[in-house]
Amino acid sequence: MKIMLATDSPSLESKISDRFARTSYFLIYNLENGNFDVIDNSSIGSHGAGPKAVQIAMDNDVSAIISAIPGETAMEAVRESKIKVYDGRGLSAKDAIGKFKSGELKEI
């Protein structure tokens, strides 16, 4: 299973971003082996960022997103994609992954 984390920098020590679609980076974390890929989100553009971010999750076979609360258009795209979203505000990516694994994160 893969999860996507919206982060401020390209590491597991990074904080979960206060923004979803306009975050600086997405980390695609594989729960089975602990490996992750980094996606630089700086070129996502200004129009339609929410659906584009959800498309990144879909293209990477992500089952869950950990981020701040997505905006309306992003949430609409998330609902259509059937990907679950969890609130990771205030946590590092590493801590958010741990809380996700133990079922402690709140689904949005």
PDB file of N, CA and C in Angstrom:
ATOM      1  N   MET A   1       0.844  -1.178   0.000  1.00  0.00           N
ATOM      2  CA  MET A   1       0.000   0.000   0.000  1.00  0.00           C
ATOM      3  C   MET A   1       0.887   1.238   0.000  1.00  0.00           C
ATOM      4  N   LYS A   2       0.473   2.227  -0.808  1.00  0.00           N
ATOM      5  CA  LYS A   2       1.207   3.488  -0.869  1.00  0.00           C
ATOM      6  C   LYS A   2       0.344   4.624  -0.328  1.00  0.00           C
ATOM      7  N   ILE A   3       1.016   5.548   0.355  1.00  0.00           N
ATOM      8  CA  ILE A   3       0.341   6.759   0.818  1.00  0.00           C
ATOM      9  C   ILE A   3       1.103   7.972   0.280  1.00  0.00           C
ATOM     10  N   MET A   4       0.391   9.061   0.095  1.00  0.00           N
ATOM     11  CA  MET A   4       1.005  10.300  -0.375  1.00  0.00           C
ATOM     12  C   MET A   4       0.922  11.338   0.733  1.00  0.00           C
ATOM     13  N   LEU A   5       2.067  11.941   1.038  1.00  0.00           N
ATOM     14  CA  LEU A   5       2.126  12.961   2.079  1.00  0.00           C
ATOM     15  C   LEU A   5       2.480  14.297   1.445  1.00  0.00           C
ATOM     16  N   ALA A   6       1.727  15.335   1.775  1.00  0.00           N
ATOM     17  CA  ALA A   6       2.013  16.694   1.312  1.00  0.00           C
ATOM     18  C   ALA A   6       2.965  17.326   2.318  1.00  0.00           C
ATOM     19  N   THR A   7       4.200  17.639   1.873  1.00  0.00           N
ATOM     20  CA  THR A   7       5.220  18.114   2.806  1.00  0.00           C
ATOM     21  C   THR A   7       5.884  19.409   2.350  1.00  0.00           C
ATOM     22  N   ASP A   8       6.569  20.053   3.295  1.00  0.00           N
ATOM     23  CA  ASP A   8       7.266  21.301   3.015  1.00  0.00           C
ATOM     24  C   ASP A   8       8.664  21.097   2.442  1.00  0.00           C
ATOM     25  N   SER A   9       9.257  19.921   2.675  1.00  0.00           N
ATOM     26  CA  SER A   9      10.582  19.625   2.136  1.00  0.00           C
ATOM     27  C   SER A   9      10.612  18.147   1.727  1.00  0.00           C
ATOM     28  N   PRO A  10      11.641  17.727   0.989  1.00  0.00           N
ATOM     29  CA  PRO A  10      11.655  16.370   0.436  1.00  0.00           C
ATOM     30  C   PRO A  10      12.224  15.288   1.362  1.00  0.00           C
ATOM     31  N   SER A  11      11.851  15.319   2.641  1.00  0.00           N
ATOM     32  CA  SER A  11      12.362  14.301   3.556  1.00  0.00           C
ATOM     33  C   SER A  11      11.271  13.845   4.524  1.00  0.00           C
ATOM     34  N   LEU A  12      11.501  12.717   5.159  1.00  0.00           N
ATOM     35  CA  LEU A  12      10.543  12.201   6.144  1.00  0.00           C
ATOM     36  C   LEU A  12      10.536  13.033   7.416  1.00  0.00           C
ATOM     37  N   GLU A  13      11.559  13.851   7.600  1.00  0.00           N
ATOM     38  CA  GLU A  13      11.607  14.735   8.769  1.00  0.00           C
ATOM     39  C   GLU A  13      10.786  16.012   8.553  1.00  0.00           C
ATOM     40  N   SER A  14      10.362  16.241   7.336  1.00  0.00           N
ATOM     41  CA  SER A  14       9.603  17.437   6.994  1.00  0.00           C
ATOM     42  C   SER A  14       8.251  17.452   7.697  1.00  0.00           C
ATOM     43  N   LYS A  15       7.754  18.649   7.926  1.00  0.00           N
ATOM     44  CA  LYS A  15       6.399  18.820   8.454  1.00  0.00           C
ATOM     45  C   LYS A  15       5.388  18.583   7.337  1.00  0.00           C
ATOM     46  N   ILE A  16       4.226  18.100   7.714  1.00  0.00           N
ATOM     47  CA  ILE A  16       3.115  18.039   6.766  1.00  0.00           C
ATOM     48  C   ILE A  16       2.747  19.488   6.456  1.00  0.00           C
ATOM     49  N   SER A  17       2.583  19.769   5.195  1.00  0.00           N
ATOM     50  CA  SER A  17       2.310  21.135   4.747  1.00  0.00           C
ATOM     51  C   SER A  17       0.945  21.623   5.217  1.00  0.00           C
ATOM     52  N   ASP A  18       0.824  22.930   5.371  1.00  0.00           N
ATOM     53  CA  ASP A  18      -0.466  23.541   5.697  1.00  0.00           C
ATOM     54  C   ASP A  18      -1.368  23.617   4.468  1.00  0.00           C
ATOM     55  N   ARG A  19      -0.823  23.250   3.314  1.00  0.00           N
ATOM     56  CA  ARG A  19      -1.592  23.275   2.064  1.00  0.00           C
ATOM     57  C   ARG A  19      -1.509  21.899   1.414  1.00  0.00           C
ATOM     58  N   PHE A  20      -2.563  21.531   0.710  1.00  0.00           N
ATOM     59  CA  PHE A  20      -2.539  20.240   0.022  1.00  0.00           C
ATOM     60  C   PHE A  20      -2.051  20.413  -1.415  1.00  0.00           C
ATOM     61  N   ALA A  21      -2.863  20.962  -2.269  1.00  0.00           N
ATOM     62  CA  ALA A  21      -2.547  21.013  -3.698  1.00  0.00           C
ATOM     63  C   ALA A  21      -1.343  21.898  -4.015  1.00  0.00           C
ATOM     64  N   ARG A  22      -1.104  22.895  -3.218  1.00  0.00           N
ATOM     65  CA  ARG A  22       0.004  23.814  -3.486  1.00  0.00           C
ATOM     66  C   ARG A  22       1.188  23.588  -2.533  1.00  0.00           C
ATOM     67  N   THR A  23       1.267  22.394  -2.009  1.00  0.00           N
ATOM     68  CA  THR A  23       2.408  22.022  -1.183  1.00  0.00           C
ATOM     69  C   THR A  23       3.678  22.039  -2.019  1.00  0.00           C
ATOM     70  N   SER A  24       4.810  22.087  -1.385  1.00  0.00           N
ATOM     71  CA  SER A  24       6.079  22.080  -2.117  1.00  0.00           C
ATOM     72  C   SER A  24       6.426  20.701  -2.667  1.00  0.00           C
ATOM     73  N   TYR A  25       6.111  19.661  -1.878  1.00  0.00           N
ATOM     74  CA  TYR A  25       6.488  18.296  -2.268  1.00  0.00           C
ATOM     75  C   TYR A  25       5.396  17.309  -1.904  1.00  0.00           C
ATOM     76  N   PHE A  26       5.374  16.222  -2.655  1.00  0.00           N
ATOM     77  CA  PHE A  26       4.599  15.045  -2.284  1.00  0.00           C
ATOM     78  C   PHE A  26       5.594  13.908  -2.080  1.00  0.00           C
ATOM     79  N   LEU A  27       5.450  13.209  -0.967  1.00  0.00           N
ATOM     80  CA  LEU A  27       6.220  11.999  -0.731  1.00  0.00           C
ATOM     81  C   LEU A  27       5.285  10.827  -0.980  1.00  0.00           C
ATOM     82  N   ILE A  28       5.692   9.919  -1.844  1.00  0.00           N
ATOM     83  CA  ILE A  28       4.918   8.706  -2.104  1.00  0.00           C
ATOM     84  C   ILE A  28       5.616   7.595  -1.322  1.00  0.00           C
ATOM     85  N   TYR A  29       5.004   7.198  -0.217  1.00  0.00           N
ATOM     86  CA  TYR A  29       5.624   6.269   0.736  1.00  0.00           C
ATOM     87  C   TYR A  29       5.001   4.883   0.596  1.00  0.00           C
ATOM     88  N   ASN A  30       5.851   3.878   0.442  1.00  0.00           N
ATOM     89  CA  ASN A  30       5.420   2.498   0.334  1.00  0.00           C
ATOM     90  C   ASN A  30       5.438   1.869   1.726  1.00  0.00           C
ATOM     91  N   LEU A  31       4.272   1.542   2.249  1.00  0.00           N
ATOM     92  CA  LEU A  31       4.175   0.984   3.599  1.00  0.00           C
ATOM     93  C   LEU A  31       4.776  -0.417   3.704  1.00  0.00           C
ATOM     94  N   GLU A  32       4.870  -1.118   2.597  1.00  0.00           N
ATOM     95  CA  GLU A  32       5.385  -2.484   2.632  1.00  0.00           C
ATOM     96  C   GLU A  32       6.897  -2.547   2.798  1.00  0.00           C
ATOM     97  N   ASN A  33       7.619  -1.603   2.171  1.00  0.00           N
ATOM     98  CA  ASN A  33       9.078  -1.697   2.231  1.00  0.00           C
ATOM     99  C   ASN A  33       9.770  -0.450   2.799  1.00  0.00           C
ATOM    100  N   GLY A  34       9.003   0.603   3.112  1.00  0.00           N
ATOM    101  CA  GLY A  34       9.570   1.809   3.709  1.00  0.00           C
ATOM    102  C   GLY A  34      10.264   2.735   2.726  1.00  0.00           C
ATOM    103  N   ASN A  35      10.249   2.403   1.446  1.00  0.00           N
ATOM    104  CA  ASN A  35      10.844   3.277   0.434  1.00  0.00           C
ATOM    105  C   ASN A  35       9.883   4.403   0.081  1.00  0.00           C
ATOM    106  N   PHE A  36      10.439   5.516  -0.373  1.00  0.00           N
ATOM    107  CA  PHE A  36       9.574   6.600  -0.815  1.00  0.00           C
ATOM    108  C   PHE A  36      10.197   7.345  -1.984  1.00  0.00           C
ATOM    109  N   ASP A  37       9.321   7.914  -2.796  1.00  0.00           N
ATOM    110  CA  ASP A  37       9.717   8.754  -3.918  1.00  0.00           C
ATOM    111  C   ASP A  37       9.285  10.173  -3.605  1.00  0.00           C
ATOM    112  N   VAL A  38      10.019  11.131  -4.147  1.00  0.00           N
ATOM    113  CA  VAL A  38       9.729  12.549  -3.934  1.00  0.00           C
ATOM    114  C   VAL A  38       9.242  13.153  -5.249  1.00  0.00           C
ATOM    115  N   ILE A  39       8.141  13.885  -5.168  1.00  0.00           N
ATOM    116  CA  ILE A  39       7.632  14.607  -6.323  1.00  0.00           C
ATOM    117  C   ILE A  39       7.691  16.089  -6.003  1.00  0.00           C
ATOM    118  N   ASP A  40       8.456  16.828  -6.806  1.00  0.00           N
ATOM    119  CA  ASP A  40       8.524  18.286  -6.667  1.00  0.00           C
ATOM    120  C   ASP A  40       7.232  18.851  -7.242  1.00  0.00           C
ATOM    121  N   ASN A  41       6.483  19.547  -6.429  1.00  0.00           N
ATOM    122  CA  ASN A  41       5.173  20.051  -6.823  1.00  0.00           C
ATOM    123  C   ASN A  41       5.213  21.518  -7.242  1.00  0.00           C
ATOM    124  N   SER A  42       6.385  22.079  -7.441  1.00  0.00           N
ATOM    125  CA  SER A  42       6.485  23.516  -7.746  1.00  0.00           C
ATOM    126  C   SER A  42       5.937  23.889  -9.112  1.00  0.00           C
ATOM    127  N   SER A  43       5.795  22.944 -10.003  1.00  0.00           N
ATOM    128  CA  SER A  43       5.341  23.282 -11.354  1.00  0.00           C
ATOM    129  C   SER A  43       3.886  22.923 -11.607  1.00  0.00           C
ATOM    130  N   ILE A  44       3.105  22.706 -10.558  1.00  0.00           N
ATOM    131  CA  ILE A  44       1.726  22.266 -10.737  1.00  0.00           C
ATOM    132  C   ILE A  44       0.847  23.344 -11.378  1.00  0.00           C
ATOM    133  N   GLY A  45       1.225  24.607 -11.278  1.00  0.00           N
ATOM    134  CA  GLY A  45       0.436  25.672 -11.892  1.00  0.00           C
ATOM    135  C   GLY A  45      -0.614  26.222 -10.960  1.00  0.00           C
ATOM    136  N   SER A  46      -1.298  27.243 -11.430  1.00  0.00           N
ATOM    137  CA  SER A  46      -2.247  27.929 -10.558  1.00  0.00           C
ATOM    138  C   SER A  46      -3.687  27.476 -10.760  1.00  0.00           C
ATOM    139  N   HIS A  47      -4.051  27.045 -11.939  1.00  0.00           N
ATOM    140  CA  HIS A  47      -5.442  26.673 -12.198  1.00  0.00           C
ATOM    141  C   HIS A  47      -5.622  25.161 -12.084  1.00  0.00           C
ATOM    142  N   GLY A  48      -6.586  24.737 -11.285  1.00  0.00           N
ATOM    143  CA  GLY A  48      -6.891  23.322 -11.164  1.00  0.00           C
ATOM    144  C   GLY A  48      -5.883  22.523 -10.371  1.00  0.00           C
ATOM    145  N   ALA A  49      -5.224  23.164  -9.412  1.00  0.00           N
ATOM    146  CA  ALA A  49      -4.173  22.490  -8.647  1.00  0.00           C
ATOM    147  C   ALA A  49      -4.717  21.308  -7.845  1.00  0.00           C
ATOM    148  N   GLY A  50      -5.909  21.433  -7.284  1.00  0.00           N
ATOM    149  CA  GLY A  50      -6.480  20.353  -6.477  1.00  0.00           C
ATOM    150  C   GLY A  50      -6.668  19.070  -7.266  1.00  0.00           C
ATOM    151  N   PRO A  51      -7.405  19.128  -8.374  1.00  0.00           N
ATOM    152  CA  PRO A  51      -7.563  17.913  -9.187  1.00  0.00           C
ATOM    153  C   PRO A  51      -6.235  17.384  -9.737  1.00  0.00           C
ATOM    154  N   LYS A  52      -5.296  18.262 -10.053  1.00  0.00           N
ATOM    155  CA  LYS A  52      -3.987  17.812 -10.539  1.00  0.00           C
ATOM    156  C   LYS A  52      -3.239  17.053  -9.445  1.00  0.00           C
ATOM    157  N   ALA A  53      -3.335  17.530  -8.216  1.00  0.00           N
ATOM    158  CA  ALA A  53      -2.680  16.842  -7.099  1.00  0.00           C
ATOM    159  C   ALA A  53      -3.299  15.464  -6.873  1.00  0.00           C
ATOM    160  N   VAL A  54      -4.613  15.386  -6.972  1.00  0.00           N
ATOM    161  CA  VAL A  54      -5.287  14.089  -6.822  1.00  0.00           C
ATOM    162  C   VAL A  54      -4.877  13.158  -7.969  1.00  0.00           C
ATOM    163  N   GLN A  55      -4.700  13.712  -9.165  1.00  0.00           N
ATOM    164  CA  GLN A  55      -4.256  12.899 -10.294  1.00  0.00           C
ATOM    165  C   GLN A  55      -2.864  12.320 -10.045  1.00  0.00           C
ATOM    166  N   ILE A  56      -1.997  13.096  -9.395  1.00  0.00           N
ATOM    167  CA  ILE A  56      -0.668  12.592  -9.032  1.00  0.00           C
ATOM    168  C   ILE A  56      -0.824  11.367  -8.121  1.00  0.00           C
ATOM    169  N   ALA A  57      -1.741  11.460  -7.158  1.00  0.00           N
ATOM    170  CA  ALA A  57      -1.990  10.325  -6.259  1.00  0.00           C
ATOM    171  C   ALA A  57      -2.483   9.114  -7.045  1.00  0.00           C
ATOM    172  N   MET A  58      -3.414   9.332  -7.949  1.00  0.00           N
ATOM    173  CA  MET A  58      -3.955   8.232  -8.743  1.00  0.00           C
ATOM    174  C   MET A  58      -2.881   7.619  -9.642  1.00  0.00           C
ATOM    175  N   ASP A  59      -2.056   8.455 -10.256  1.00  0.00           N
ATOM    176  CA  ASP A  59      -0.993   7.970 -11.144  1.00  0.00           C
ATOM    177  C   ASP A  59       0.039   7.136 -10.402  1.00  0.00           C
ATOM    178  N   ASN A  60       0.143   7.338  -9.093  1.00  0.00           N
ATOM    179  CA  ASN A  60       1.117   6.617  -8.271  1.00  0.00           C
ATOM    180  C   ASN A  60       0.475   5.506  -7.442  1.00  0.00           C
ATOM    181  N   ASP A  61      -0.772   5.146  -7.779  1.00  0.00           N
ATOM    182  CA  ASP A  61      -1.490   4.049  -7.102  1.00  0.00           C
ATOM    183  C   ASP A  61      -1.550   4.233  -5.591  1.00  0.00           C
ATOM    184  N   VAL A  62      -1.833   5.452  -5.163  1.00  0.00           N
ATOM    185  CA  VAL A  62      -1.917   5.790  -3.746  1.00  0.00           C
ATOM    186  C   VAL A  62      -3.298   5.417  -3.201  1.00  0.00           C
ATOM    187  N   SER A  63      -3.329   4.855  -2.005  1.00  0.00           N
ATOM    188  CA  SER A  63      -4.589   4.494  -1.350  1.00  0.00           C
ATOM    189  C   SER A  63      -5.052   5.533  -0.348  1.00  0.00           C
ATOM    190  N   ALA A  64      -4.109   6.366   0.134  1.00  0.00           N
ATOM    191  CA  ALA A  64      -4.447   7.373   1.141  1.00  0.00           C
ATOM    192  C   ALA A  64      -3.538   8.584   0.981  1.00  0.00           C
ATOM    193  N   ILE A  65      -4.069   9.729   1.351  1.00  0.00           N
ATOM    194  CA  ILE A  65      -3.335  10.993   1.337  1.00  0.00           C
ATOM    195  C   ILE A  65      -3.301  11.524   2.755  1.00  0.00           C
ATOM    196  N   ILE A  66      -2.125  11.995   3.182  1.00  0.00           N
ATOM    197  CA  ILE A  66      -2.000  12.659   4.481  1.00  0.00           C
ATOM    198  C   ILE A  66      -1.577  14.084   4.204  1.00  0.00           C
ATOM    199  N   SER A  67      -2.404  15.036   4.657  1.00  0.00           N
ATOM    200  CA  SER A  67      -2.159  16.443   4.342  1.00  0.00           C
ATOM    201  C   SER A  67      -2.953  17.330   5.287  1.00  0.00           C
ATOM    202  N   ALA A  68      -2.955  18.613   4.957  1.00  0.00           N
ATOM    203  CA  ALA A  68      -3.906  19.539   5.562  1.00  0.00           C
ATOM    204  C   ALA A  68      -5.252  19.269   4.883  1.00  0.00           C
ATOM    205  N   ILE A  69      -6.277  19.954   5.313  1.00  0.00           N
ATOM    206  CA  ILE A  69      -7.601  19.744   4.723  1.00  0.00           C
ATOM    207  C   ILE A  69      -7.609  20.320   3.306  1.00  0.00           C
ATOM    208  N   PRO A  70      -7.872  19.466   2.294  1.00  0.00           N
ATOM    209  CA  PRO A  70      -7.903  19.952   0.911  1.00  0.00           C
ATOM    210  C   PRO A  70      -9.067  20.917   0.673  1.00  0.00           C
ATOM    211  N   GLY A  71      -8.906  21.761  -0.341  1.00  0.00           N
ATOM    212  CA  GLY A  71      -9.973  22.673  -0.734  1.00  0.00           C
ATOM    213  C   GLY A  71     -11.125  21.928  -1.389  1.00  0.00           C
ATOM    214  N   GLU A  72     -12.175  22.682  -1.735  1.00  0.00           N
ATOM    215  CA  GLU A  72     -13.400  22.075  -2.271  1.00  0.00           C
ATOM    216  C   GLU A  72     -13.183  21.281  -3.545  1.00  0.00           C
ATOM    217  N   THR A  73     -12.466  21.859  -4.519  1.00  0.00           N
ATOM    218  CA  THR A  73     -12.289  21.146  -5.786  1.00  0.00           C
ATOM    219  C   THR A  73     -11.405  19.914  -5.607  1.00  0.00           C
ATOM    220  N   ALA A  74     -10.426  20.016  -4.743  1.00  0.00           N
ATOM    221  CA  ALA A  74      -9.585  18.851  -4.462  1.00  0.00           C
ATOM    222  C   ALA A  74     -10.400  17.755  -3.773  1.00  0.00           C
ATOM    223  N   MET A  75     -11.249  18.135  -2.829  1.00  0.00           N
ATOM    224  CA  MET A  75     -12.064  17.138  -2.124  1.00  0.00           C
ATOM    225  C   MET A  75     -13.054  16.471  -3.071  1.00  0.00           C
ATOM    226  N   GLU A  76     -13.575  17.225  -4.009  1.00  0.00           N
ATOM    227  CA  GLU A  76     -14.470  16.635  -5.008  1.00  0.00           C
ATOM    228  C   GLU A  76     -13.720  15.572  -5.820  1.00  0.00           C
ATOM    229  N   ALA A  77     -12.497  15.898  -6.234  1.00  0.00           N
ATOM    230  CA  ALA A  77     -11.673  14.943  -6.983  1.00  0.00           C
ATOM    231  C   ALA A  77     -11.316  13.737  -6.121  1.00  0.00           C
ATOM    232  N   VAL A  78     -11.042  13.966  -4.841  1.00  0.00           N
ATOM    233  CA  VAL A  78     -10.720  12.872  -3.923  1.00  0.00           C
ATOM    234  C   VAL A  78     -11.915  11.932  -3.789  1.00  0.00           C
ATOM    235  N   ARG A  79     -13.104  12.482  -3.612  1.00  0.00           N
ATOM    236  CA  ARG A  79     -14.304  11.645  -3.471  1.00  0.00           C
ATOM    237  C   ARG A  79     -14.507  10.783  -4.717  1.00  0.00           C
ATOM    238  N   GLU A  80     -14.296  11.359  -5.887  1.00  0.00           N
ATOM    239  CA  GLU A  80     -14.451  10.612  -7.139  1.00  0.00           C
ATOM    240  C   GLU A  80     -13.393   9.518  -7.270  1.00  0.00           C
ATOM    241  N   SER A  81     -12.207   9.755  -6.731  1.00  0.00           N
ATOM    242  CA  SER A  81     -11.101   8.806  -6.859  1.00  0.00           C
ATOM    243  C   SER A  81     -11.179   7.665  -5.849  1.00  0.00           C
ATOM    244  N   LYS A  82     -11.975   7.833  -4.803  1.00  0.00           N
ATOM    245  CA  LYS A  82     -12.100   6.849  -3.713  1.00  0.00           C
ATOM    246  C   LYS A  82     -10.844   6.757  -2.845  1.00  0.00           C
ATOM    247  N   ILE A  83      -9.940   7.722  -2.966  1.00  0.00           N
ATOM    248  CA  ILE A  83      -8.756   7.774  -2.108  1.00  0.00           C
ATOM    249  C   ILE A  83      -9.154   8.415  -0.785  1.00  0.00           C
ATOM    250  N   LYS A  84      -8.709   7.857   0.313  1.00  0.00           N
ATOM    251  CA  LYS A  84      -9.021   8.425   1.626  1.00  0.00           C
ATOM    252  C   LYS A  84      -8.006   9.510   1.963  1.00  0.00           C
ATOM    253  N   VAL A  85      -8.467  10.529   2.700  1.00  0.00           N
ATOM    254  CA  VAL A  85      -7.609  11.638   3.105  1.00  0.00           C
ATOM    255  C   VAL A  85      -7.604  11.728   4.622  1.00  0.00           C
ATOM    256  N   TYR A  86      -6.397  11.919   5.173  1.00  0.00           N
ATOM    257  CA  TYR A  86      -6.221  11.996   6.621  1.00  0.00           C
ATOM    258  C   TYR A  86      -5.542  13.302   6.995  1.00  0.00           C
ATOM    259  N   ASP A  87      -5.948  13.859   8.122  1.00  0.00           N
ATOM    260  CA  ASP A  87      -5.408  15.130   8.619  1.00  0.00           C
ATOM    261  C   ASP A  87      -4.084  14.883   9.329  1.00  0.00           C
ATOM    262  N   GLY A  88      -3.005  15.419   8.749  1.00  0.00           N
ATOM    263  CA  GLY A  88      -1.683  15.249   9.341  1.00  0.00           C
ATOM    264  C   GLY A  88      -1.065  16.548   9.801  1.00  0.00           C
ATOM    265  N   ARG A  89      -1.885  17.597   9.907  1.00  0.00           N
ATOM    266  CA  ARG A  89      -1.359  18.905  10.294  1.00  0.00           C
ATOM    267  C   ARG A  89      -0.645  18.847  11.629  1.00  0.00           C
ATOM    268  N   GLY A  90       0.516  19.526  11.688  1.00  0.00           N
ATOM    269  CA  GLY A  90       1.288  19.612  12.916  1.00  0.00           C
ATOM    270  C   GLY A  90       2.249  18.450  13.136  1.00  0.00           C
ATOM    271  N   LEU A  91       2.236  17.477  12.255  1.00  0.00           N
ATOM    272  CA  LEU A  91       3.100  16.307  12.411  1.00  0.00           C
ATOM    273  C   LEU A  91       4.223  16.324  11.377  1.00  0.00           C
ATOM    274  N   SER A  92       5.296  15.636  11.681  1.00  0.00           N
ATOM    275  CA  SER A  92       6.305  15.382  10.654  1.00  0.00           C
ATOM    276  C   SER A  92       5.772  14.246   9.786  1.00  0.00           C
ATOM    277  N   ALA A  93       6.320  14.094   8.604  1.00  0.00           N
ATOM    278  CA  ALA A  93       5.910  12.994   7.728  1.00  0.00           C
ATOM    279  C   ALA A  93       6.123  11.659   8.435  1.00  0.00           C
ATOM    280  N   LYS A  94       7.255  11.514   9.091  1.00  0.00           N
ATOM    281  CA  LYS A  94       7.583  10.268   9.793  1.00  0.00           C
ATOM    282  C   LYS A  94       6.557   9.959  10.884  1.00  0.00           C
ATOM    283  N   ASP A  95       6.199  10.973  11.681  1.00  0.00           N
ATOM    284  CA  ASP A  95       5.206  10.769  12.739  1.00  0.00           C
ATOM    285  C   ASP A  95       3.825  10.475  12.157  1.00  0.00           C
ATOM    286  N   ALA A  96       3.494  11.150  11.061  1.00  0.00           N
ATOM    287  CA  ALA A  96       2.196  10.925  10.409  1.00  0.00           C
ATOM    288  C   ALA A  96       2.094   9.487   9.902  1.00  0.00           C
ATOM    289  N   ILE A  97       3.176   8.969   9.353  1.00  0.00           N
ATOM    290  CA  ILE A  97       3.184   7.581   8.878  1.00  0.00           C
ATOM    291  C   ILE A  97       2.955   6.631  10.055  1.00  0.00           C
ATOM    292  N   GLY A  98       3.631   6.878  11.150  1.00  0.00           N
ATOM    293  CA  GLY A  98       3.448   6.033  12.340  1.00  0.00           C
ATOM    294  C   GLY A  98       2.016   6.073  12.850  1.00  0.00           C
ATOM    295  N   LYS A  99       1.444   7.252  12.909  1.00  0.00           N
ATOM    296  CA  LYS A  99       0.060   7.385  13.383  1.00  0.00           C
ATOM    297  C   LYS A  99      -0.927   6.769  12.393  1.00  0.00           C
ATOM    298  N   PHE A 100      -0.615   6.862  11.094  1.00  0.00           N
ATOM    299  CA  PHE A 100      -1.470   6.228  10.085  1.00  0.00           C
ATOM    300  C   PHE A 100      -1.462   4.715  10.291  1.00  0.00           C
ATOM    301  N   LYS A 101      -0.287   4.140  10.472  1.00  0.00           N
ATOM    302  CA  LYS A 101      -0.155   2.696  10.663  1.00  0.00           C
ATOM    303  C   LYS A 101      -0.920   2.210  11.892  1.00  0.00           C
ATOM    304  N   SER A 102      -0.944   3.031  12.938  1.00  0.00           N
ATOM    305  CA  SER A 102      -1.627   2.617  14.176  1.00  0.00           C
ATOM    306  C   SER A 102      -3.087   3.048  14.219  1.00  0.00           C
ATOM    307  N   GLY A 103      -3.575   3.668  13.143  1.00  0.00           N
ATOM    308  CA  GLY A 103      -4.981   4.058  13.074  1.00  0.00           C
ATOM    309  C   GLY A 103      -5.330   5.298  13.882  1.00  0.00           C
ATOM    310  N   GLU A 104      -4.342   6.121  14.199  1.00  0.00           N
ATOM    311  CA  GLU A 104      -4.588   7.284  15.043  1.00  0.00           C
ATOM    312  C   GLU A 104      -4.928   8.571  14.278  1.00  0.00           C
ATOM    313  N   LEU A 105      -4.778   8.590  12.958  1.00  0.00           N
ATOM    314  CA  LEU A 105      -5.075   9.801  12.200  1.00  0.00           C
ATOM    315  C   LEU A 105      -6.573   9.912  11.903  1.00  0.00           C
ATOM    316  N   LYS A 106      -7.066  11.119  11.917  1.00  0.00           N
ATOM    317  CA  LYS A 106      -8.492  11.373  11.651  1.00  0.00           C
ATOM    318  C   LYS A 106      -8.715  11.466  10.135  1.00  0.00           C
ATOM    319  N   GLU A 107      -9.660  10.673   9.654  1.00  0.00           N
ATOM    320  CA  GLU A 107     -10.013  10.765   8.237  1.00  0.00           C
ATOM    321  C   GLU A 107     -10.836  12.026   8.005  1.00  0.00           C
ATOM    322  N   ILE A 108     -10.520  12.706   6.915  1.00  0.00           N
ATOM    323  CA  ILE A 108     -11.238  13.947   6.572  1.00  0.00           C
ATOM    324  C   ILE A 108     -12.420  13.594   5.707  1.00  0.00           C
TER     325      ILE A 108
END
